[in-house]
Amino acid sequence: MPIRKYAPAAVGLVTALAAPASAQDSETLCGVSGAAALEAVSNHLEGEWVTEFKAGYVVAGPMVIPHGAGPAETGRLELRNGRLTIVPDNPEGVDLALDWETGVDWSFDAEPSLPDGMTATNVPDLEIDDNELEVLTGCAVNDLPRLVGAASIMTNGVSMTFTLPLIVVNQDLLYGFQQVHGVARAQAVMERRPVVLHR
């Protein structure tokens, strides 16, 4: 699942989008908000999931480095004290509690989001963005239920902070990004790549 005690695994997004039921096959979640409605969505999301990470990139000091894909991970979503929590099957994984996001608008862009003044020609565009999600779901990204989780872990003596914003496309598909921030060898490090959870 998304947070590991070492670099997270990754896999292609296209396969993940093809595997689960499409948004057109499930009841739309456009405009779902409010505590009661989101609680009902939480109940539908409990169960077994596969997490796949798409290739992304790492910004380390003055360098921008492609970050390739890797194997999928399995786990489950379960309600703990009223909060959806990602529970990885891998014993080295870290449980991640999620909260509903209702107050901040999100925007997912296919182009890498690099610090001011930085450019990169070796980093591919991320494979899905707001426009494609809107086509897939039939509504704006910020009209869909959204979850966010965050945690900090120590990896080889380095503190890394993980943030995982997820859009609930339907009860069988979540899409978002994993973002990791830390400082290694006196340099700021940031990783960003798409993540898909599907049944």
N, C-alpha and C. Protein backbone atom coordinates (compact mmCIF):
# COMPACT_ATOMS: atom_id res chain seq x y z
N MET A 1 0.85 -1.18 0.00
CA MET A 1 0.00 0.00 0.00
C MET A 1 0.89 1.24 0.00
N PRO A 2 0.31 2.46 0.05
CA PRO A 2 1.07 3.63 -0.31
C PRO A 2 2.28 3.96 0.55
N ILE A 3 2.29 3.67 1.85
CA ILE A 3 3.42 4.14 2.64
C ILE A 3 4.23 2.95 3.11
N ARG A 4 5.52 2.96 2.78
CA ARG A 4 6.42 1.88 3.13
C ARG A 4 7.57 2.46 3.94
N LYS A 5 8.33 1.60 4.61
CA LYS A 5 9.49 2.06 5.36
C LYS A 5 10.67 2.29 4.43
N TYR A 6 10.49 2.03 3.15
CA TYR A 6 11.49 2.33 2.13
C TYR A 6 10.75 2.82 0.91
N ALA A 7 11.47 3.09 -0.19
CA ALA A 7 10.84 3.69 -1.37
C ALA A 7 9.63 2.87 -1.81
N PRO A 8 8.46 3.50 -2.07
CA PRO A 8 7.25 2.78 -2.41
C PRO A 8 7.32 2.17 -3.81
N ALA A 9 6.58 1.09 -4.00
CA ALA A 9 6.54 0.42 -5.30
C ALA A 9 5.63 1.17 -6.25
N ALA A 10 5.75 0.86 -7.55
CA ALA A 10 4.97 1.59 -8.54
C ALA A 10 4.63 0.73 -9.74
N VAL A 11 3.49 1.03 -10.38
CA VAL A 11 3.05 0.30 -11.57
C VAL A 11 2.26 1.24 -12.46
N GLY A 12 1.98 0.84 -13.71
CA GLY A 12 1.30 1.69 -14.69
C GLY A 12 -0.13 2.03 -14.35
N LEU A 13 -0.54 3.25 -14.67
CA LEU A 13 -1.89 3.73 -14.42
C LEU A 13 -2.88 3.19 -15.43
N VAL A 14 -2.49 3.04 -16.66
CA VAL A 14 -3.44 2.63 -17.70
C VAL A 14 -4.03 1.27 -17.37
N THR A 15 -3.23 0.32 -16.93
CA THR A 15 -3.71 -0.99 -16.56
C THR A 15 -4.72 -0.89 -15.43
N ALA A 16 -4.43 -0.04 -14.48
CA ALA A 16 -5.32 0.10 -13.33
C ALA A 16 -6.67 0.67 -13.73
N LEU A 17 -6.65 1.59 -14.66
CA LEU A 17 -7.92 2.17 -15.09
C LEU A 17 -8.75 1.18 -15.91
N ALA A 18 -8.08 0.25 -16.57
CA ALA A 18 -8.80 -0.74 -17.38
C ALA A 18 -9.36 -1.85 -16.52
N ALA A 19 -8.73 -2.16 -15.39
CA ALA A 19 -9.11 -3.32 -14.61
C ALA A 19 -10.43 -3.16 -13.86
N PRO A 20 -10.65 -2.06 -13.11
CA PRO A 20 -11.88 -1.96 -12.36
C PRO A 20 -13.04 -1.52 -13.23
N ALA A 21 -14.24 -1.60 -12.64
CA ALA A 21 -15.41 -1.09 -13.35
C ALA A 21 -15.22 0.38 -13.64
N SER A 22 -15.63 0.83 -14.79
CA SER A 22 -15.46 2.24 -15.15
C SER A 22 -16.48 3.09 -14.41
N ALA A 23 -16.24 4.39 -14.44
CA ALA A 23 -17.16 5.30 -13.77
C ALA A 23 -18.56 5.19 -14.35
N GLN A 24 -18.65 4.90 -15.64
CA GLN A 24 -19.96 4.80 -16.26
C GLN A 24 -20.72 3.57 -15.77
N ASP A 25 -20.00 2.57 -15.23
CA ASP A 25 -20.64 1.35 -14.75
C ASP A 25 -21.10 1.47 -13.30
N SER A 26 -20.72 2.52 -12.61
CA SER A 26 -21.06 2.70 -11.21
C SER A 26 -21.88 3.97 -11.05
N GLU A 27 -22.62 4.01 -9.95
CA GLU A 27 -23.40 5.20 -9.66
C GLU A 27 -22.47 6.39 -9.48
N THR A 28 -22.85 7.52 -10.09
CA THR A 28 -22.00 8.70 -10.01
C THR A 28 -21.93 9.22 -8.58
N LEU A 29 -20.78 9.76 -8.24
CA LEU A 29 -20.58 10.36 -6.92
C LEU A 29 -20.48 11.87 -7.02
N CYS A 30 -20.81 12.44 -8.18
CA CYS A 30 -20.74 13.89 -8.36
C CYS A 30 -21.60 14.60 -7.33
N GLY A 31 -21.02 15.58 -6.67
CA GLY A 31 -21.77 16.39 -5.74
C GLY A 31 -21.99 15.75 -4.37
N VAL A 32 -21.43 14.56 -4.14
CA VAL A 32 -21.59 13.92 -2.84
C VAL A 32 -20.77 14.68 -1.80
N SER A 33 -21.42 15.18 -0.79
CA SER A 33 -20.74 15.92 0.28
C SER A 33 -21.61 15.84 1.52
N GLY A 34 -21.12 16.40 2.59
CA GLY A 34 -21.86 16.35 3.84
C GLY A 34 -21.53 15.07 4.60
N ALA A 35 -21.62 15.14 5.93
CA ALA A 35 -21.15 14.05 6.78
C ALA A 35 -21.88 12.74 6.51
N ALA A 36 -23.21 12.78 6.39
CA ALA A 36 -23.96 11.54 6.22
C ALA A 36 -23.64 10.87 4.89
N ALA A 37 -23.57 11.68 3.82
CA ALA A 37 -23.28 11.13 2.50
C ALA A 37 -21.87 10.55 2.44
N LEU A 38 -20.90 11.25 3.04
CA LEU A 38 -19.52 10.76 3.02
C LEU A 38 -19.36 9.52 3.89
N GLU A 39 -20.14 9.43 4.96
CA GLU A 39 -20.10 8.22 5.79
C GLU A 39 -20.59 7.02 4.99
N ALA A 40 -21.62 7.22 4.16
CA ALA A 40 -22.10 6.14 3.32
C ALA A 40 -21.05 5.71 2.31
N VAL A 41 -20.33 6.70 1.72
CA VAL A 41 -19.25 6.38 0.79
C VAL A 41 -18.17 5.57 1.51
N SER A 42 -17.81 5.97 2.73
CA SER A 42 -16.80 5.25 3.51
C SER A 42 -17.16 3.78 3.64
N ASN A 43 -18.41 3.50 3.94
CA ASN A 43 -18.85 2.11 4.10
C ASN A 43 -18.66 1.32 2.83
N HIS A 44 -18.92 1.93 1.68
CA HIS A 44 -18.78 1.24 0.39
C HIS A 44 -17.31 1.01 0.01
N LEU A 45 -16.41 1.81 0.58
CA LEU A 45 -14.99 1.69 0.21
C LEU A 45 -14.24 0.66 1.04
N GLU A 46 -14.83 0.17 2.11
CA GLU A 46 -14.15 -0.84 2.91
C GLU A 46 -13.92 -2.10 2.10
N GLY A 47 -12.80 -2.77 2.33
CA GLY A 47 -12.53 -4.03 1.67
C GLY A 47 -11.13 -4.08 1.08
N GLU A 48 -10.90 -5.10 0.26
CA GLU A 48 -9.58 -5.34 -0.32
C GLU A 48 -9.34 -4.41 -1.51
N TRP A 49 -8.09 -3.92 -1.64
CA TRP A 49 -7.71 -3.02 -2.72
C TRP A 49 -6.31 -3.38 -3.22
N VAL A 50 -6.06 -3.02 -4.47
CA VAL A 50 -4.72 -3.10 -5.05
C VAL A 50 -4.25 -1.67 -5.27
N THR A 51 -3.02 -1.37 -4.86
CA THR A 51 -2.45 -0.04 -5.05
C THR A 51 -1.37 -0.10 -6.11
N GLU A 52 -1.46 0.77 -7.10
CA GLU A 52 -0.47 0.84 -8.17
C GLU A 52 0.06 2.27 -8.26
N PHE A 53 1.37 2.38 -8.38
CA PHE A 53 2.02 3.67 -8.48
C PHE A 53 2.57 3.86 -9.89
N LYS A 54 2.20 4.95 -10.52
CA LYS A 54 2.69 5.28 -11.85
C LYS A 54 4.07 5.93 -11.73
N ALA A 55 4.81 5.87 -12.82
CA ALA A 55 6.11 6.55 -12.84
C ALA A 55 5.93 8.05 -12.61
N GLY A 56 6.83 8.62 -11.85
CA GLY A 56 6.80 10.05 -11.57
C GLY A 56 8.20 10.63 -11.61
N TYR A 57 8.51 11.46 -10.62
CA TYR A 57 9.81 12.12 -10.64
C TYR A 57 10.22 12.50 -9.22
N VAL A 58 11.52 12.75 -9.07
CA VAL A 58 12.09 13.19 -7.80
C VAL A 58 12.85 14.48 -8.06
N VAL A 59 12.67 15.47 -7.21
CA VAL A 59 13.47 16.68 -7.22
C VAL A 59 14.41 16.59 -6.03
N ALA A 60 15.72 16.55 -6.30
CA ALA A 60 16.73 16.45 -5.25
C ALA A 60 17.72 17.59 -5.44
N GLY A 61 17.61 18.61 -4.61
CA GLY A 61 18.47 19.78 -4.78
C GLY A 61 18.26 20.38 -6.16
N PRO A 62 19.31 20.52 -6.97
CA PRO A 62 19.16 21.11 -8.30
C PRO A 62 18.78 20.12 -9.39
N MET A 63 18.59 18.84 -9.03
CA MET A 63 18.35 17.80 -10.04
C MET A 63 16.89 17.38 -10.07
N VAL A 64 16.41 17.05 -11.28
CA VAL A 64 15.10 16.43 -11.47
C VAL A 64 15.35 15.05 -12.08
N ILE A 65 14.89 14.01 -11.41
CA ILE A 65 15.22 12.65 -11.77
C ILE A 65 13.94 11.87 -12.02
N PRO A 66 13.82 11.15 -13.16
CA PRO A 66 12.65 10.28 -13.36
C PRO A 66 12.60 9.20 -12.28
N HIS A 67 11.40 8.86 -11.85
CA HIS A 67 11.21 7.79 -10.86
C HIS A 67 10.30 6.74 -11.49
N GLY A 68 10.87 5.60 -11.82
CA GLY A 68 10.14 4.58 -12.57
C GLY A 68 9.08 3.86 -11.77
N ALA A 69 8.32 3.03 -12.48
CA ALA A 69 7.26 2.24 -11.89
C ALA A 69 7.82 0.94 -11.31
N GLY A 70 7.00 0.23 -10.55
CA GLY A 70 7.40 -1.02 -9.93
C GLY A 70 6.18 -1.88 -9.64
N PRO A 71 6.31 -2.93 -8.84
CA PRO A 71 5.20 -3.87 -8.64
C PRO A 71 4.06 -3.29 -7.80
N ALA A 72 2.87 -3.82 -8.03
CA ALA A 72 1.68 -3.39 -7.27
C ALA A 72 1.75 -3.93 -5.85
N GLU A 73 0.97 -3.31 -4.97
CA GLU A 73 0.87 -3.75 -3.59
C GLU A 73 -0.59 -3.98 -3.24
N THR A 74 -0.83 -4.88 -2.30
CA THR A 74 -2.20 -5.19 -1.89
C THR A 74 -2.42 -4.78 -0.44
N GLY A 75 -3.68 -4.64 -0.10
CA GLY A 75 -4.05 -4.28 1.26
C GLY A 75 -5.54 -4.07 1.32
N ARG A 76 -5.97 -3.32 2.31
CA ARG A 76 -7.41 -3.10 2.45
C ARG A 76 -7.67 -1.70 3.02
N LEU A 77 -8.89 -1.26 2.81
CA LEU A 77 -9.40 -0.06 3.46
C LEU A 77 -10.37 -0.51 4.54
N GLU A 78 -10.18 -0.01 5.75
CA GLU A 78 -11.11 -0.36 6.82
C GLU A 78 -11.40 0.88 7.66
N LEU A 79 -12.58 0.89 8.27
CA LEU A 79 -12.97 2.00 9.14
C LEU A 79 -12.43 1.75 10.53
N ARG A 80 -11.67 2.72 11.05
CA ARG A 80 -11.14 2.68 12.41
C ARG A 80 -11.53 3.98 13.10
N ASN A 81 -12.34 3.88 14.12
CA ASN A 81 -12.79 5.08 14.84
C ASN A 81 -13.39 6.11 13.89
N GLY A 82 -14.16 5.62 12.92
CA GLY A 82 -14.85 6.50 11.98
C GLY A 82 -14.01 7.03 10.84
N ARG A 83 -12.73 6.63 10.75
CA ARG A 83 -11.84 7.11 9.68
C ARG A 83 -11.43 5.95 8.79
N LEU A 84 -11.54 6.14 7.49
CA LEU A 84 -10.99 5.15 6.57
C LEU A 84 -9.48 5.08 6.76
N THR A 85 -8.96 3.86 6.81
CA THR A 85 -7.54 3.67 7.03
C THR A 85 -7.00 2.66 6.04
N ILE A 86 -5.90 3.01 5.37
CA ILE A 86 -5.22 2.08 4.47
C ILE A 86 -4.36 1.15 5.33
N VAL A 87 -4.60 -0.15 5.17
CA VAL A 87 -3.88 -1.16 5.94
C VAL A 87 -3.17 -2.08 4.95
N PRO A 88 -1.85 -1.96 4.81
CA PRO A 88 -1.13 -2.76 3.82
C PRO A 88 -0.99 -4.22 4.26
N ASP A 89 -0.98 -5.12 3.28
CA ASP A 89 -0.68 -6.53 3.57
C ASP A 89 0.79 -6.71 3.92
N ASN A 90 1.66 -5.92 3.33
CA ASN A 90 3.09 -6.02 3.58
C ASN A 90 3.39 -5.67 5.03
N PRO A 91 4.04 -6.58 5.78
CA PRO A 91 4.32 -6.28 7.20
C PRO A 91 5.24 -5.08 7.40
N GLU A 92 5.95 -4.65 6.36
CA GLU A 92 6.81 -3.48 6.47
C GLU A 92 6.07 -2.19 6.15
N GLY A 93 4.81 -2.31 5.78
CA GLY A 93 4.01 -1.13 5.47
C GLY A 93 3.58 -0.39 6.71
N VAL A 94 3.03 0.80 6.52
CA VAL A 94 2.56 1.65 7.61
C VAL A 94 1.10 1.98 7.36
N ASP A 95 0.26 1.77 8.36
CA ASP A 95 -1.15 2.12 8.23
C ASP A 95 -1.29 3.63 8.07
N LEU A 96 -2.24 4.03 7.21
CA LEU A 96 -2.42 5.46 6.93
C LEU A 96 -3.89 5.83 7.08
N ALA A 97 -4.21 6.66 8.07
CA ALA A 97 -5.57 7.15 8.27
C ALA A 97 -5.87 8.26 7.27
N LEU A 98 -7.09 8.25 6.75
CA LEU A 98 -7.53 9.23 5.74
C LEU A 98 -8.65 10.08 6.30
N ASP A 99 -8.70 11.34 5.85
CA ASP A 99 -9.77 12.25 6.22
C ASP A 99 -10.42 12.80 4.96
N TRP A 100 -11.71 13.10 5.05
CA TRP A 100 -12.39 13.71 3.92
C TRP A 100 -11.95 15.16 3.77
N GLU A 101 -11.65 15.55 2.54
CA GLU A 101 -11.28 16.94 2.23
C GLU A 101 -12.49 17.64 1.64
N THR A 102 -12.93 18.71 2.28
CA THR A 102 -14.10 19.44 1.80
C THR A 102 -13.85 20.93 1.63
N GLY A 103 -12.70 21.44 2.10
CA GLY A 103 -12.53 22.88 2.11
C GLY A 103 -11.50 23.44 1.15
N VAL A 104 -10.73 22.59 0.47
CA VAL A 104 -9.66 23.07 -0.39
C VAL A 104 -9.82 22.46 -1.78
N ASP A 105 -9.73 23.30 -2.82
CA ASP A 105 -9.81 22.78 -4.19
C ASP A 105 -8.48 22.17 -4.60
N TRP A 106 -8.57 21.10 -5.38
CA TRP A 106 -7.38 20.42 -5.89
C TRP A 106 -7.29 20.61 -7.39
N SER A 107 -6.08 20.49 -7.91
CA SER A 107 -5.86 20.52 -9.35
C SER A 107 -4.72 19.58 -9.68
N PHE A 108 -4.99 18.59 -10.53
CA PHE A 108 -3.98 17.63 -10.96
C PHE A 108 -3.58 17.96 -12.39
N ASP A 109 -2.29 18.15 -12.60
CA ASP A 109 -1.76 18.55 -13.89
C ASP A 109 -0.86 17.45 -14.42
N ALA A 110 -0.92 17.20 -15.74
CA ALA A 110 -0.06 16.18 -16.34
C ALA A 110 1.41 16.60 -16.35
N GLU A 111 1.68 17.89 -16.37
CA GLU A 111 3.07 18.36 -16.37
C GLU A 111 3.66 18.29 -14.98
N PRO A 112 4.93 17.90 -14.85
CA PRO A 112 5.57 17.90 -13.54
C PRO A 112 5.50 19.28 -12.89
N SER A 113 5.23 19.28 -11.60
CA SER A 113 5.16 20.53 -10.83
C SER A 113 6.52 20.76 -10.19
N LEU A 114 7.34 21.56 -10.86
CA LEU A 114 8.73 21.77 -10.43
C LEU A 114 8.89 23.12 -9.73
N PRO A 115 9.86 23.21 -8.84
CA PRO A 115 10.13 24.50 -8.19
C PRO A 115 10.44 25.59 -9.22
N ASP A 116 10.20 26.83 -8.83
CA ASP A 116 10.44 27.97 -9.73
C ASP A 116 11.84 27.93 -10.31
N GLY A 117 11.91 28.14 -11.63
CA GLY A 117 13.20 28.22 -12.31
C GLY A 117 13.76 26.88 -12.75
N MET A 118 13.13 25.76 -12.34
CA MET A 118 13.63 24.45 -12.72
C MET A 118 12.89 23.93 -13.93
N THR A 119 13.60 23.25 -14.81
CA THR A 119 13.01 22.59 -15.96
C THR A 119 13.59 21.20 -16.06
N ALA A 120 12.88 20.33 -16.79
CA ALA A 120 13.38 18.97 -16.99
C ALA A 120 12.89 18.44 -18.32
N THR A 121 13.79 17.88 -19.10
CA THR A 121 13.42 17.28 -20.37
C THR A 121 13.39 15.76 -20.28
N ASN A 122 13.87 15.21 -19.17
CA ASN A 122 13.95 13.75 -19.03
C ASN A 122 12.80 13.16 -18.23
N VAL A 123 11.83 13.98 -17.81
CA VAL A 123 10.73 13.52 -16.98
C VAL A 123 9.46 13.48 -17.83
N PRO A 124 8.80 12.32 -17.93
CA PRO A 124 7.58 12.24 -18.74
C PRO A 124 6.42 12.95 -18.08
N ASP A 125 5.45 13.37 -18.92
CA ASP A 125 4.21 13.90 -18.37
C ASP A 125 3.51 12.81 -17.56
N LEU A 126 2.81 13.22 -16.52
CA LEU A 126 2.00 12.29 -15.75
C LEU A 126 0.76 11.96 -16.57
N GLU A 127 0.29 10.73 -16.50
CA GLU A 127 -0.61 10.22 -17.52
C GLU A 127 -2.06 10.63 -17.42
N ILE A 128 -2.47 11.26 -16.33
CA ILE A 128 -3.87 11.67 -16.23
C ILE A 128 -3.93 13.00 -15.49
N ASP A 129 -4.90 13.82 -15.87
CA ASP A 129 -5.02 15.13 -15.24
C ASP A 129 -6.49 15.45 -15.01
N ASP A 130 -6.75 16.69 -14.57
CA ASP A 130 -8.12 17.11 -14.27
C ASP A 130 -9.08 16.85 -15.43
N ASN A 131 -8.67 17.23 -16.64
CA ASN A 131 -9.56 17.10 -17.79
C ASN A 131 -9.94 15.66 -18.04
N GLU A 132 -8.96 14.75 -17.95
CA GLU A 132 -9.26 13.34 -18.20
C GLU A 132 -10.12 12.75 -17.09
N LEU A 133 -9.91 13.18 -15.86
CA LEU A 133 -10.76 12.72 -14.78
C LEU A 133 -12.19 13.22 -14.95
N GLU A 134 -12.33 14.44 -15.44
CA GLU A 134 -13.68 14.99 -15.67
C GLU A 134 -14.39 14.22 -16.77
N VAL A 135 -13.66 13.82 -17.81
CA VAL A 135 -14.26 13.00 -18.86
C VAL A 135 -14.67 11.64 -18.29
N LEU A 136 -13.82 11.06 -17.47
CA LEU A 136 -14.06 9.74 -16.89
C LEU A 136 -15.27 9.74 -15.97
N THR A 137 -15.43 10.82 -15.18
CA THR A 137 -16.46 10.84 -14.16
C THR A 137 -17.70 11.63 -14.54
N GLY A 138 -17.56 12.53 -15.50
CA GLY A 138 -18.70 13.36 -15.89
C GLY A 138 -18.90 14.57 -15.00
N CYS A 139 -17.95 14.88 -14.16
CA CYS A 139 -18.06 16.10 -13.34
C CYS A 139 -16.68 16.59 -12.95
N ALA A 140 -16.63 17.78 -12.39
CA ALA A 140 -15.36 18.38 -12.01
C ALA A 140 -14.74 17.62 -10.85
N VAL A 141 -13.41 17.60 -10.82
CA VAL A 141 -12.66 16.89 -9.79
C VAL A 141 -13.12 17.29 -8.39
N ASN A 142 -13.31 18.59 -8.17
CA ASN A 142 -13.65 19.06 -6.83
C ASN A 142 -15.11 18.86 -6.46
N ASP A 143 -15.90 18.28 -7.38
CA ASP A 143 -17.27 17.89 -7.07
C ASP A 143 -17.36 16.44 -6.65
N LEU A 144 -16.23 15.72 -6.68
CA LEU A 144 -16.18 14.33 -6.25
C LEU A 144 -15.70 14.24 -4.81
N PRO A 145 -16.07 13.17 -4.08
CA PRO A 145 -15.51 12.99 -2.74
C PRO A 145 -14.00 12.86 -2.80
N ARG A 146 -13.30 13.46 -1.84
CA ARG A 146 -11.84 13.45 -1.84
C ARG A 146 -11.32 13.11 -0.46
N LEU A 147 -10.28 12.30 -0.44
CA LEU A 147 -9.65 11.86 0.81
C LEU A 147 -8.19 12.31 0.83
N VAL A 148 -7.66 12.53 2.02
CA VAL A 148 -6.24 12.86 2.13
C VAL A 148 -5.68 12.23 3.39
N GLY A 149 -4.49 11.67 3.26
CA GLY A 149 -3.78 11.11 4.40
C GLY A 149 -2.37 11.64 4.45
N ALA A 150 -1.78 11.70 5.63
CA ALA A 150 -0.40 12.18 5.77
C ALA A 150 0.25 11.45 6.93
N ALA A 151 1.54 11.20 6.79
CA ALA A 151 2.31 10.55 7.85
C ALA A 151 3.78 10.85 7.66
N SER A 152 4.55 10.72 8.73
CA SER A 152 6.00 10.87 8.67
C SER A 152 6.65 9.59 9.14
N ILE A 153 7.71 9.17 8.45
CA ILE A 153 8.44 7.98 8.82
C ILE A 153 9.93 8.26 8.73
N MET A 154 10.72 7.41 9.38
CA MET A 154 12.18 7.49 9.29
C MET A 154 12.67 6.42 8.33
N THR A 155 13.48 6.82 7.35
CA THR A 155 14.06 5.89 6.38
C THR A 155 15.56 6.11 6.35
N ASN A 156 16.32 5.13 6.80
CA ASN A 156 17.78 5.25 6.82
C ASN A 156 18.23 6.53 7.52
N GLY A 157 17.57 6.84 8.63
CA GLY A 157 17.95 8.02 9.41
C GLY A 157 17.41 9.33 8.88
N VAL A 158 16.61 9.28 7.81
CA VAL A 158 16.04 10.49 7.21
C VAL A 158 14.55 10.53 7.47
N SER A 159 14.04 11.64 7.96
CA SER A 159 12.60 11.80 8.17
C SER A 159 11.93 12.18 6.86
N MET A 160 10.94 11.40 6.45
CA MET A 160 10.21 11.65 5.21
C MET A 160 8.73 11.86 5.54
N THR A 161 8.13 12.88 4.97
CA THR A 161 6.71 13.16 5.16
C THR A 161 5.96 12.78 3.89
N PHE A 162 4.97 11.90 4.03
CA PHE A 162 4.16 11.43 2.91
C PHE A 162 2.80 12.11 2.95
N THR A 163 2.32 12.55 1.80
CA THR A 163 0.95 13.05 1.67
C THR A 163 0.29 12.31 0.51
N LEU A 164 -0.93 11.84 0.74
CA LEU A 164 -1.65 11.06 -0.28
C LEU A 164 -3.04 11.64 -0.48
N PRO A 165 -3.23 12.56 -1.45
CA PRO A 165 -4.57 13.02 -1.80
C PRO A 165 -5.20 12.06 -2.80
N LEU A 166 -6.45 11.65 -2.55
CA LEU A 166 -7.15 10.67 -3.39
C LEU A 166 -8.53 11.18 -3.77
N ILE A 167 -8.89 11.02 -5.03
CA ILE A 167 -10.23 11.33 -5.52
C ILE A 167 -11.00 10.02 -5.64
N VAL A 168 -12.22 9.99 -5.11
CA VAL A 168 -13.06 8.80 -5.22
C VAL A 168 -13.79 8.87 -6.56
N VAL A 169 -13.25 8.16 -7.55
CA VAL A 169 -13.87 8.13 -8.87
C VAL A 169 -15.17 7.35 -8.80
N ASN A 170 -15.14 6.19 -8.18
CA ASN A 170 -16.33 5.41 -7.85
C ASN A 170 -15.95 4.44 -6.74
N GLN A 171 -16.85 3.57 -6.34
CA GLN A 171 -16.56 2.71 -5.18
C GLN A 171 -15.52 1.64 -5.49
N ASP A 172 -15.08 1.54 -6.75
CA ASP A 172 -14.06 0.56 -7.13
C ASP A 172 -12.77 1.21 -7.61
N LEU A 173 -12.68 2.54 -7.58
CA LEU A 173 -11.51 3.21 -8.14
C LEU A 173 -11.23 4.53 -7.43
N LEU A 174 -10.00 4.67 -6.91
CA LEU A 174 -9.52 5.91 -6.33
C LEU A 174 -8.29 6.34 -7.10
N TYR A 175 -8.17 7.65 -7.34
CA TYR A 175 -7.02 8.15 -8.08
C TYR A 175 -6.44 9.36 -7.35
N GLY A 176 -5.13 9.45 -7.35
CA GLY A 176 -4.50 10.61 -6.73
C GLY A 176 -3.00 10.63 -6.95
N PHE A 177 -2.29 11.25 -6.00
CA PHE A 177 -0.84 11.37 -6.07
C PHE A 177 -0.22 11.05 -4.73
N GLN A 178 0.93 10.43 -4.77
CA GLN A 178 1.76 10.33 -3.57
C GLN A 178 2.83 11.40 -3.66
N GLN A 179 2.96 12.18 -2.60
CA GLN A 179 3.99 13.20 -2.53
C GLN A 179 4.82 12.97 -1.28
N VAL A 180 6.13 13.00 -1.44
CA VAL A 180 7.05 12.74 -0.33
C VAL A 180 8.02 13.91 -0.23
N HIS A 181 8.21 14.42 0.98
CA HIS A 181 9.15 15.51 1.22
C HIS A 181 10.11 15.10 2.33
N GLY A 182 11.36 15.48 2.17
CA GLY A 182 12.35 15.20 3.20
C GLY A 182 13.63 15.96 2.92
N VAL A 183 14.62 15.77 3.78
CA VAL A 183 15.94 16.37 3.59
C VAL A 183 16.96 15.26 3.72
N ALA A 184 17.77 15.06 2.68
CA ALA A 184 18.81 14.04 2.68
C ALA A 184 20.13 14.66 2.28
N ARG A 185 21.17 14.43 3.06
CA ARG A 185 22.48 15.00 2.78
C ARG A 185 22.41 16.51 2.59
N ALA A 186 21.64 17.14 3.45
CA ALA A 186 21.48 18.61 3.47
C ALA A 186 20.77 19.15 2.23
N GLN A 187 20.13 18.27 1.45
CA GLN A 187 19.37 18.71 0.28
C GLN A 187 17.89 18.36 0.45
N ALA A 188 17.03 19.32 0.07
CA ALA A 188 15.60 19.03 0.07
C ALA A 188 15.29 18.03 -1.04
N VAL A 189 14.45 17.05 -0.72
CA VAL A 189 14.05 16.02 -1.67
C VAL A 189 12.53 15.99 -1.74
N MET A 190 11.98 15.94 -2.95
CA MET A 190 10.54 15.83 -3.15
C MET A 190 10.26 14.79 -4.22
N GLU A 191 9.40 13.84 -3.91
CA GLU A 191 8.96 12.85 -4.89
C GLU A 191 7.47 13.06 -5.17
N ARG A 192 7.07 12.89 -6.42
CA ARG A 192 5.65 12.99 -6.78
C ARG A 192 5.35 11.99 -7.87
N ARG A 193 4.30 11.19 -7.66
CA ARG A 193 3.86 10.30 -8.72
C ARG A 193 2.39 9.92 -8.52
N PRO A 194 1.72 9.61 -9.64
CA PRO A 194 0.31 9.22 -9.54
C PRO A 194 0.16 7.88 -8.81
N VAL A 195 -0.99 7.71 -8.17
CA VAL A 195 -1.32 6.46 -7.51
C VAL A 195 -2.77 6.12 -7.81
N VAL A 196 -3.01 4.84 -8.04
CA VAL A 196 -4.36 4.33 -8.31
C VAL A 196 -4.65 3.20 -7.35
N LEU A 197 -5.80 3.24 -6.69
CA LEU A 197 -6.29 2.11 -5.91
C LEU A 197 -7.50 1.55 -6.63
N HIS A 198 -7.52 0.23 -6.84
CA HIS A 198 -8.67 -0.39 -7.48
C HIS A 198 -8.94 -1.74 -6.85
N ARG A 199 -10.15 -2.25 -7.06
CA ARG A 199 -10.54 -3.55 -6.49
C ARG A 199 -9.82 -4.67 -7.22
